[in-house]
PDB file of N, CA and C in Angstrom:
ATOM      1  N   TYR A   1       0.830  -1.188   0.000  1.00  0.00           N
ATOM      2  CA  TYR A   1       0.000   0.000   0.000  1.00  0.00           C
ATOM      3  C   TYR A   1       0.873   1.251   0.000  1.00  0.00           C
ATOM      4  N   ARG A   2       0.295   2.334  -0.452  1.00  0.00           N
ATOM      5  CA  ARG A   2       1.026   3.593  -0.600  1.00  0.00           C
ATOM      6  C   ARG A   2       0.199   4.730   0.006  1.00  0.00           C
ATOM      7  N   TYR A   3       0.858   5.583   0.777  1.00  0.00           N
ATOM      8  CA  TYR A   3       0.183   6.727   1.392  1.00  0.00           C
ATOM      9  C   TYR A   3      -0.256   7.705   0.311  1.00  0.00           C
ATOM     10  N   VAL A   4      -1.508   8.176   0.389  1.00  0.00           N
ATOM     11  CA  VAL A   4      -2.046   9.133  -0.573  1.00  0.00           C
ATOM     12  C   VAL A   4      -1.997  10.537   0.011  1.00  0.00           C
ATOM     13  N   ASP A   5      -2.716  10.751   1.133  1.00  0.00           N
ATOM     14  CA  ASP A   5      -2.752  12.081   1.751  1.00  0.00           C
ATOM     15  C   ASP A   5      -3.604  12.013   3.013  1.00  0.00           C
ATOM     16  N   CYS A   6      -3.668  13.127   3.698  1.00  0.00           N
ATOM     17  CA  CYS A   6      -4.525  13.294   4.868  1.00  0.00           C
ATOM     18  C   CYS A   6      -5.765  14.056   4.402  1.00  0.00           C
ATOM     19  N   TYR A   7      -6.940  13.492   4.664  1.00  0.00           N
ATOM     20  CA  TYR A   7      -8.187  14.083   4.178  1.00  0.00           C
ATOM     21  C   TYR A   7      -9.125  14.422   5.330  1.00  0.00           C
ATOM     22  N   GLN A   8      -9.892  15.478   5.137  1.00  0.00           N
ATOM     23  CA  GLN A   8     -10.964  15.843   6.062  1.00  0.00           C
ATOM     24  C   GLN A   8     -12.020  14.746   6.013  1.00  0.00           C
ATOM     25  N   ASP A   9     -12.580  14.416   7.174  1.00  0.00           N
ATOM     26  CA  ASP A   9     -13.622  13.397   7.245  1.00  0.00           C
ATOM     27  C   ASP A   9     -14.606  13.788   8.343  1.00  0.00           C
ATOM     28  N   SER A  10     -15.863  13.444   8.163  1.00  0.00           N
ATOM     29  CA  SER A  10     -16.875  13.728   9.185  1.00  0.00           C
ATOM     30  C   SER A  10     -17.999  12.708   9.082  1.00  0.00           C
ATOM     31  N   LYS A  11     -18.783  12.604  10.122  1.00  0.00           N
ATOM     32  CA  LYS A  11     -19.923  11.685  10.121  1.00  0.00           C
ATOM     33  C   LYS A  11     -20.919  12.047   9.034  1.00  0.00           C
ATOM     34  N   GLU A  12     -21.039  13.336   8.743  1.00  0.00           N
ATOM     35  CA  GLU A  12     -21.989  13.794   7.744  1.00  0.00           C
ATOM     36  C   GLU A  12     -21.491  13.591   6.309  1.00  0.00           C
ATOM     37  N   LYS A  13     -20.179  13.549   6.135  1.00  0.00           N
ATOM     38  CA  LYS A  13     -19.604  13.457   4.789  1.00  0.00           C
ATOM     39  C   LYS A  13     -18.369  12.555   4.823  1.00  0.00           C
ATOM     40  N   ARG A  14     -18.586  11.268   4.730  1.00  0.00           N
ATOM     41  CA  ARG A  14     -17.500  10.291   4.794  1.00  0.00           C
ATOM     42  C   ARG A  14     -16.730  10.240   3.471  1.00  0.00           C
ATOM     43  N   LEU A  15     -15.419  10.222   3.585  1.00  0.00           N
ATOM     44  CA  LEU A  15     -14.560  10.052   2.413  1.00  0.00           C
ATOM     45  C   LEU A  15     -14.630   8.597   1.941  1.00  0.00           C
ATOM     46  N   LEU A  16     -14.535   7.680   2.886  1.00  0.00           N
ATOM     47  CA  LEU A  16     -14.659   6.244   2.619  1.00  0.00           C
ATOM     48  C   LEU A  16     -15.849   5.748   3.437  1.00  0.00           C
ATOM     49  N   ARG A  17     -16.748   4.990   2.833  1.00  0.00           N
ATOM     50  CA  ARG A  17     -18.059   4.718   3.433  1.00  0.00           C
ATOM     51  C   ARG A  17     -18.154   3.488   4.322  1.00  0.00           C
ATOM     52  N   ASN A  18     -17.175   2.613   4.282  1.00  0.00           N
ATOM     53  CA  ASN A  18     -17.320   1.328   4.958  1.00  0.00           C
ATOM     54  C   ASN A  18     -16.372   1.203   6.144  1.00  0.00           C
ATOM     55  N   LYS A  19     -16.938   1.090   7.344  1.00  0.00           N
ATOM     56  CA  LYS A  19     -16.121   0.939   8.548  1.00  0.00           C
ATOM     57  C   LYS A  19     -15.843  -0.545   8.772  1.00  0.00           C
ATOM     58  N   LEU A  20     -14.579  -0.866   8.972  1.00  0.00           N
ATOM     59  CA  LEU A  20     -14.152  -2.245   9.168  1.00  0.00           C
ATOM     60  C   LEU A  20     -13.560  -2.385  10.561  1.00  0.00           C
ATOM     61  N   SER A  21     -13.719  -3.559  11.155  1.00  0.00           N
ATOM     62  CA  SER A  21     -13.129  -3.773  12.470  1.00  0.00           C
ATOM     63  C   SER A  21     -12.492  -5.149  12.542  1.00  0.00           C
ATOM     64  N   GLY A  22     -11.448  -5.219  13.352  1.00  0.00           N
ATOM     65  CA  GLY A  22     -10.731  -6.472  13.547  1.00  0.00           C
ATOM     66  C   GLY A  22     -10.367  -6.618  15.005  1.00  0.00           C
ATOM     67  N   LYS A  23      -9.702  -7.689  15.322  1.00  0.00           N
ATOM     68  CA  LYS A  23      -9.306  -7.946  16.707  1.00  0.00           C
ATOM     69  C   LYS A  23      -7.978  -7.273  16.992  1.00  0.00           C
ATOM     70  N   GLY A  24      -7.856  -6.772  18.202  1.00  0.00           N
ATOM     71  CA  GLY A  24      -6.621  -6.130  18.621  1.00  0.00           C
ATOM     72  C   GLY A  24      -6.605  -4.666  18.245  1.00  0.00           C
ATOM     73  N   GLY A  25      -5.511  -4.015  18.535  1.00  0.00           N
ATOM     74  CA  GLY A  25      -5.369  -2.597  18.231  1.00  0.00           C
ATOM     75  C   GLY A  25      -5.156  -2.354  16.753  1.00  0.00           C
ATOM     76  N   MET A  26      -5.517  -1.169  16.304  1.00  0.00           N
ATOM     77  CA  MET A  26      -5.423  -0.821  14.889  1.00  0.00           C
ATOM     78  C   MET A  26      -3.978  -0.532  14.487  1.00  0.00           C
ATOM     79  N   SER A  27      -3.649  -0.959  13.264  1.00  0.00           N
ATOM     80  CA  SER A  27      -2.371  -0.653  12.617  1.00  0.00           C
ATOM     81  C   SER A  27      -2.644  -0.529  11.132  1.00  0.00           C
ATOM     82  N   LEU A  28      -1.692   0.013  10.407  1.00  0.00           N
ATOM     83  CA  LEU A  28      -1.859   0.121   8.951  1.00  0.00           C
ATOM     84  C   LEU A  28      -1.972  -1.263   8.326  1.00  0.00           C
ATOM     85  N   GLU A  29      -1.179  -2.199   8.817  1.00  0.00           N
ATOM     86  CA  GLU A  29      -1.218  -3.557   8.263  1.00  0.00           C
ATOM     87  C   GLU A  29      -2.578  -4.208   8.482  1.00  0.00           C
ATOM     88  N   LEU A  30      -3.144  -4.027   9.679  1.00  0.00           N
ATOM     89  CA  LEU A  30      -4.448  -4.617   9.969  1.00  0.00           C
ATOM     90  C   LEU A  30      -5.530  -4.012   9.082  1.00  0.00           C
ATOM     91  N   CYS A  31      -5.553  -2.694   8.971  1.00  0.00           N
ATOM     92  CA  CYS A  31      -6.572  -2.046   8.150  1.00  0.00           C
ATOM     93  C   CYS A  31      -6.418  -2.443   6.677  1.00  0.00           C
ATOM     94  N   ALA A  32      -5.187  -2.496   6.186  1.00  0.00           N
ATOM     95  CA  ALA A  32      -4.945  -2.911   4.800  1.00  0.00           C
ATOM     96  C   ALA A  32      -5.443  -4.335   4.567  1.00  0.00           C
ATOM     97  N   SER A  33      -5.188  -5.206   5.517  1.00  0.00           N
ATOM     98  CA  SER A  33      -5.619  -6.601   5.402  1.00  0.00           C
ATOM     99  C   SER A  33      -7.143  -6.707   5.427  1.00  0.00           C
ATOM    100  N   LEU A  34      -7.793  -5.989   6.334  1.00  0.00           N
ATOM    101  CA  LEU A  34      -9.259  -6.006   6.408  1.00  0.00           C
ATOM    102  C   LEU A  34      -9.876  -5.491   5.109  1.00  0.00           C
ATOM    103  N   ALA A  35      -9.304  -4.413   4.575  1.00  0.00           N
ATOM    104  CA  ALA A  35      -9.830  -3.842   3.335  1.00  0.00           C
ATOM    105  C   ALA A  35      -9.662  -4.807   2.163  1.00  0.00           C
ATOM    106  N   THR A  36      -8.502  -5.405   2.062  1.00  0.00           N
ATOM    107  CA  THR A  36      -8.231  -6.349   0.970  1.00  0.00           C
ATOM    108  C   THR A  36      -9.166  -7.557   1.047  1.00  0.00           C
ATOM    109  N   LEU A  37      -9.326  -8.107   2.242  1.00  0.00           N
ATOM    110  CA  LEU A  37     -10.208  -9.265   2.416  1.00  0.00           C
ATOM    111  C   LEU A  37     -11.656  -8.937   2.068  1.00  0.00           C
ATOM    112  N   ALA A  38     -12.064  -7.689   2.284  1.00  0.00           N
ATOM    113  CA  ALA A  38     -13.441  -7.264   1.979  1.00  0.00           C
ATOM    114  C   ALA A  38     -13.597  -6.808   0.526  1.00  0.00           C
ATOM    115  N   GLY A  39     -12.502  -6.799  -0.244  1.00  0.00           N
ATOM    116  CA  GLY A  39     -12.580  -6.445  -1.653  1.00  0.00           C
ATOM    117  C   GLY A  39     -12.445  -4.966  -1.967  1.00  0.00           C
ATOM    118  N   TYR A  40     -11.980  -4.174  -0.995  1.00  0.00           N
ATOM    119  CA  TYR A  40     -11.814  -2.733  -1.213  1.00  0.00           C
ATOM    120  C   TYR A  40     -10.392  -2.410  -1.664  1.00  0.00           C
ATOM    121  N   THR A  41     -10.262  -1.383  -2.480  1.00  0.00           N
ATOM    122  CA  THR A  41      -8.954  -1.009  -3.020  1.00  0.00           C
ATOM    123  C   THR A  41      -8.351   0.213  -2.333  1.00  0.00           C
ATOM    124  N   ILE A  42      -9.140   0.933  -1.552  1.00  0.00           N
ATOM    125  CA  ILE A  42      -8.677   2.112  -0.835  1.00  0.00           C
ATOM    126  C   ILE A  42      -9.000   1.919   0.640  1.00  0.00           C
ATOM    127  N   PHE A  43      -8.043   2.258   1.507  1.00  0.00           N
ATOM    128  CA  PHE A  43      -8.339   2.202   2.935  1.00  0.00           C
ATOM    129  C   PHE A  43      -7.770   3.433   3.619  1.00  0.00           C
ATOM    130  N   GLY A  44      -8.318   3.720   4.774  1.00  0.00           N
ATOM    131  CA  GLY A  44      -7.846   4.839   5.565  1.00  0.00           C
ATOM    132  C   GLY A  44      -8.042   4.567   7.035  1.00  0.00           C
ATOM    133  N   VAL A  45      -7.231   5.239   7.844  1.00  0.00           N
ATOM    134  CA  VAL A  45      -7.319   5.087   9.290  1.00  0.00           C
ATOM    135  C   VAL A  45      -7.574   6.458   9.910  1.00  0.00           C
ATOM    136  N   GLU A  46      -8.356   6.463  10.983  1.00  0.00           N
ATOM    137  CA  GLU A  46      -8.776   7.714  11.605  1.00  0.00           C
ATOM    138  C   GLU A  46      -8.891   7.541  13.111  1.00  0.00           C
ATOM    139  N   TYR A  47      -8.561   8.577  13.849  1.00  0.00           N
ATOM    140  CA  TYR A  47      -8.776   8.662  15.289  1.00  0.00           C
ATOM    141  C   TYR A  47      -8.122   7.503  16.052  1.00  0.00           C
ATOM    142  N   SER A  48      -6.939   7.100  15.631  1.00  0.00           N
ATOM    143  CA  SER A  48      -6.113   6.071  16.277  1.00  0.00           C
ATOM    144  C   SER A  48      -6.600   4.638  16.114  1.00  0.00           C
ATOM    145  N   SER A  49      -7.907   4.437  15.906  1.00  0.00           N
ATOM    146  CA  SER A  49      -8.415   3.067  15.967  1.00  0.00           C
ATOM    147  C   SER A  49      -9.464   2.714  14.921  1.00  0.00           C
ATOM    148  N   GLU A  50      -9.845   3.651  14.070  1.00  0.00           N
ATOM    149  CA  GLU A  50     -10.901   3.372  13.088  1.00  0.00           C
ATOM    150  C   GLU A  50     -10.304   3.036  11.724  1.00  0.00           C
ATOM    151  N   CYS A  51     -10.861   2.027  11.087  1.00  0.00           N
ATOM    152  CA  CYS A  51     -10.456   1.608   9.744  1.00  0.00           C
ATOM    153  C   CYS A  51     -11.650   1.799   8.807  1.00  0.00           C
ATOM    154  N   TRP A  52     -11.426   2.514   7.719  1.00  0.00           N
ATOM    155  CA  TRP A  52     -12.459   2.789   6.718  1.00  0.00           C
ATOM    156  C   TRP A  52     -11.954   2.344   5.358  1.00  0.00           C
ATOM    157  N   ALA A  53     -12.857   1.921   4.485  1.00  0.00           N
ATOM    158  CA  ALA A  53     -12.439   1.446   3.164  1.00  0.00           C
ATOM    159  C   ALA A  53     -13.539   1.665   2.135  1.00  0.00           C
ATOM    160  N   ASP A  54     -13.122   1.621   0.862  1.00  0.00           N
ATOM    161  CA  ASP A  54     -14.072   1.799  -0.234  1.00  0.00           C
ATOM    162  C   ASP A  54     -13.354   1.462  -1.538  1.00  0.00           C
ATOM    163  N   ILE A  55     -14.099   1.548  -2.634  1.00  0.00           N
ATOM    164  CA  ILE A  55     -13.490   1.369  -3.955  1.00  0.00           C
ATOM    165  C   ILE A  55     -13.325   2.705  -4.664  1.00  0.00           C
ATOM    166  N   LYS A  56     -13.848   3.785  -4.055  1.00  0.00           N
ATOM    167  CA  LYS A  56     -13.684   5.120  -4.619  1.00  0.00           C
ATOM    168  C   LYS A  56     -13.706   6.152  -3.500  1.00  0.00           C
ATOM    169  N   PHE A  57     -13.193   7.337  -3.803  1.00  0.00           N
ATOM    170  CA  PHE A  57     -13.146   8.438  -2.851  1.00  0.00           C
ATOM    171  C   PHE A  57     -14.455   9.210  -2.870  1.00  0.00           C
ATOM    172  N   GLY A  58     -14.779   9.829  -1.730  1.00  0.00           N
ATOM    173  CA  GLY A  58     -15.840  10.825  -1.681  1.00  0.00           C
ATOM    174  C   GLY A  58     -15.271  12.144  -2.186  1.00  0.00           C
ATOM    175  N   ASN A  59     -15.993  13.218  -2.005  1.00  0.00           N
ATOM    176  CA  ASN A  59     -15.569  14.528  -2.512  1.00  0.00           C
ATOM    177  C   ASN A  59     -14.868  15.386  -1.471  1.00  0.00           C
ATOM    178  N   ASN A  60     -14.336  14.785  -0.433  1.00  0.00           N
ATOM    179  CA  ASN A  60     -13.659  15.543   0.615  1.00  0.00           C
ATOM    180  C   ASN A  60     -12.335  16.089   0.113  1.00  0.00           C
ATOM    181  N   HIS A  61     -11.824  17.091   0.820  1.00  0.00           N
ATOM    182  CA  HIS A  61     -10.591  17.753   0.407  1.00  0.00           C
ATOM    183  C   HIS A  61      -9.423  17.346   1.295  1.00  0.00           C
ATOM    184  N   PRO A  62      -8.224  17.290   0.705  1.00  0.00           N
ATOM    185  CA  PRO A  62      -7.039  17.051   1.528  1.00  0.00           C
ATOM    186  C   PRO A  62      -6.873  18.199   2.531  1.00  0.00           C
ATOM    187  N   VAL A  63      -6.324  17.876   3.677  1.00  0.00           N
ATOM    188  CA  VAL A  63      -6.005  18.880   4.690  1.00  0.00           C
ATOM    189  C   VAL A  63      -4.511  18.769   4.991  1.00  0.00           C
ATOM    190  N   SER A  64      -4.008  19.671   5.782  1.00  0.00           N
ATOM    191  CA  SER A  64      -2.604  19.628   6.167  1.00  0.00           C
ATOM    192  C   SER A  64      -2.269  18.272   6.778  1.00  0.00           C
ATOM    193  N   SER A  65      -1.130  17.721   6.419  1.00  0.00           N
ATOM    194  CA  SER A  65      -0.723  16.431   6.978  1.00  0.00           C
ATOM    195  C   SER A  65      -0.571  16.513   8.495  1.00  0.00           C
ATOM    196  N   GLU A  66      -0.442  17.700   9.028  1.00  0.00           N
ATOM    197  CA  GLU A  66      -0.366  17.883  10.479  1.00  0.00           C
ATOM    198  C   GLU A  66      -1.686  17.519  11.166  1.00  0.00           C
ATOM    199  N   SER A  67      -2.785  17.481  10.408  1.00  0.00           N
ATOM    200  CA  SER A  67      -4.081  17.086  10.973  1.00  0.00           C
ATOM    201  C   SER A  67      -4.132  15.592  11.260  1.00  0.00           C
ATOM    202  N   CYS A  68      -3.335  14.822  10.543  1.00  0.00           N
ATOM    203  CA  CYS A  68      -3.224  13.379  10.800  1.00  0.00           C
ATOM    204  C   CYS A  68      -2.063  13.196  11.779  1.00  0.00           C
ATOM    205  N   ASN A  69      -2.395  13.258  13.067  1.00  0.00           N
ATOM    206  CA  ASN A  69      -1.350  13.336  14.083  1.00  0.00           C
ATOM    207  C   ASN A  69      -1.544  12.373  15.252  1.00  0.00           C
ATOM    208  N   MET A  70      -2.400  11.373  15.077  1.00  0.00           N
ATOM    209  CA  MET A  70      -2.660  10.430  16.165  1.00  0.00           C
ATOM    210  C   MET A  70      -1.995   9.094  15.852  1.00  0.00           C
ATOM    211  N   TYR A  71      -1.298   8.560  16.854  1.00  0.00           N
ATOM    212  CA  TYR A  71      -0.630   7.269  16.685  1.00  0.00           C
ATOM    213  C   TYR A  71      -1.652   6.139  16.705  1.00  0.00           C
ATOM    214  N   CYS A  72      -1.385   5.102  15.929  1.00  0.00           N
ATOM    215  CA  CYS A  72      -2.256   3.923  15.906  1.00  0.00           C
ATOM    216  C   CYS A  72      -2.258   3.273  17.289  1.00  0.00           C
ATOM    217  N   ASP A  73      -3.444   2.887  17.755  1.00  0.00           N
ATOM    218  CA  ASP A  73      -3.497   2.298  19.097  1.00  0.00           C
ATOM    219  C   ASP A  73      -2.931   0.886  19.141  1.00  0.00           C
ATOM    220  N   GLY A  74      -2.713   0.272  17.973  1.00  0.00           N
ATOM    221  CA  GLY A  74      -2.116  -1.057  17.941  1.00  0.00           C
ATOM    222  C   GLY A  74      -0.655  -1.063  17.517  1.00  0.00           C
ATOM    223  N   LYS A  75      -0.149   0.083  17.067  1.00  0.00           N
ATOM    224  CA  LYS A  75       1.254   0.175  16.646  1.00  0.00           C
ATOM    225  C   LYS A  75       1.654   1.650  16.708  1.00  0.00           C
ATOM    226  N   THR A  76       2.179   2.056  17.839  1.00  0.00           N
ATOM    227  CA  THR A  76       2.415   3.470  18.104  1.00  0.00           C
ATOM    228  C   THR A  76       3.545   4.091  17.277  1.00  0.00           C
ATOM    229  N   SER A  77       4.190   3.312  16.441  1.00  0.00           N
ATOM    230  CA  SER A  77       5.189   3.875  15.532  1.00  0.00           C
ATOM    231  C   SER A  77       4.539   4.359  14.233  1.00  0.00           C
ATOM    232  N   GLN A  78       3.224   4.148  14.100  1.00  0.00           N
ATOM    233  CA  GLN A  78       2.502   4.537  12.892  1.00  0.00           C
ATOM    234  C   GLN A  78       1.461   5.608  13.216  1.00  0.00           C
ATOM    235  N   ILE A  79       1.124   6.418  12.208  1.00  0.00           N
ATOM    236  CA  ILE A  79       0.095   7.434  12.343  1.00  0.00           C
ATOM    237  C   ILE A  79      -1.225   6.892  11.784  1.00  0.00           C
ATOM    238  N   CYS A  80      -2.273   6.988  12.581  1.00  0.00           N
ATOM    239  CA  CYS A  80      -3.610   6.540  12.174  1.00  0.00           C
ATOM    240  C   CYS A  80      -4.581   7.715  12.189  1.00  0.00           C
ATOM    241  N   GLY A  81      -4.361   8.652  11.290  1.00  0.00           N
ATOM    242  CA  GLY A  81      -5.292   9.773  11.121  1.00  0.00           C
ATOM    243  C   GLY A  81      -5.282  10.727  12.293  1.00  0.00           C
ATOM    244  N   GLY A  82      -6.425  11.359  12.494  1.00  0.00           N
ATOM    245  CA  GLY A  82      -6.576  12.339  13.566  1.00  0.00           C
ATOM    246  C   GLY A  82      -8.049  12.512  13.872  1.00  0.00           C
ATOM    247  N   ASN A  83      -8.376  13.541  14.619  1.00  0.00           N
ATOM    248  CA  ASN A  83      -9.753  13.857  14.946  1.00  0.00           C
ATOM    249  C   ASN A  83     -10.382  14.534  13.725  1.00  0.00           C
ATOM    250  N   GLY A  84     -11.248  13.827  13.004  1.00  0.00           N
ATOM    251  CA  GLY A  84     -11.846  14.359  11.775  1.00  0.00           C
ATOM    252  C   GLY A  84     -10.893  14.375  10.601  1.00  0.00           C
ATOM    253  N   ALA A  85      -9.826  13.573  10.699  1.00  0.00           N
ATOM    254  CA  ALA A  85      -8.831  13.504   9.618  1.00  0.00           C
ATOM    255  C   ALA A  85      -8.478  12.041   9.339  1.00  0.00           C
ATOM    256  N   LEU A  86      -8.469  11.685   8.086  1.00  0.00           N
ATOM    257  CA  LEU A  86      -8.280  10.310   7.641  1.00  0.00           C
ATOM    258  C   LEU A  86      -6.972  10.177   6.877  1.00  0.00           C
ATOM    259  N   SER A  87      -6.084   9.308   7.342  1.00  0.00           N
ATOM    260  CA  SER A  87      -4.865   8.977   6.602  1.00  0.00           C
ATOM    261  C   SER A  87      -5.251   7.944   5.545  1.00  0.00           C
ATOM    262  N   VAL A  88      -5.117   8.303   4.267  1.00  0.00           N
ATOM    263  CA  VAL A  88      -5.609   7.453   3.188  1.00  0.00           C
ATOM    264  C   VAL A  88      -4.454   6.767   2.466  1.00  0.00           C
ATOM    265  N   PHE A  89      -4.682   5.477   2.151  1.00  0.00           N
ATOM    266  CA  PHE A  89      -3.695   4.648   1.451  1.00  0.00           C
ATOM    267  C   PHE A  89      -4.344   3.969   0.264  1.00  0.00           C
TER     268      PHE A  89
END
């Protein structure tokens, strides 16, 4: 997987529509694996522990990469989005 950008995200306007969950703490590897197994080609992580996926992007806009500033709760060496910000891969 390859990092795309940090995007604005909200409950009212989701960039990626499908929330995925797995066992244990969130990491980029876990979210990528969940997305692939579900047949999605794009995945993103948000708020340290949320995994989102889809086959296409919504119309949200990129934001400063500084908005994606929360460490993954399952792998603290990785960034998993932020509050209202989605790290997209």
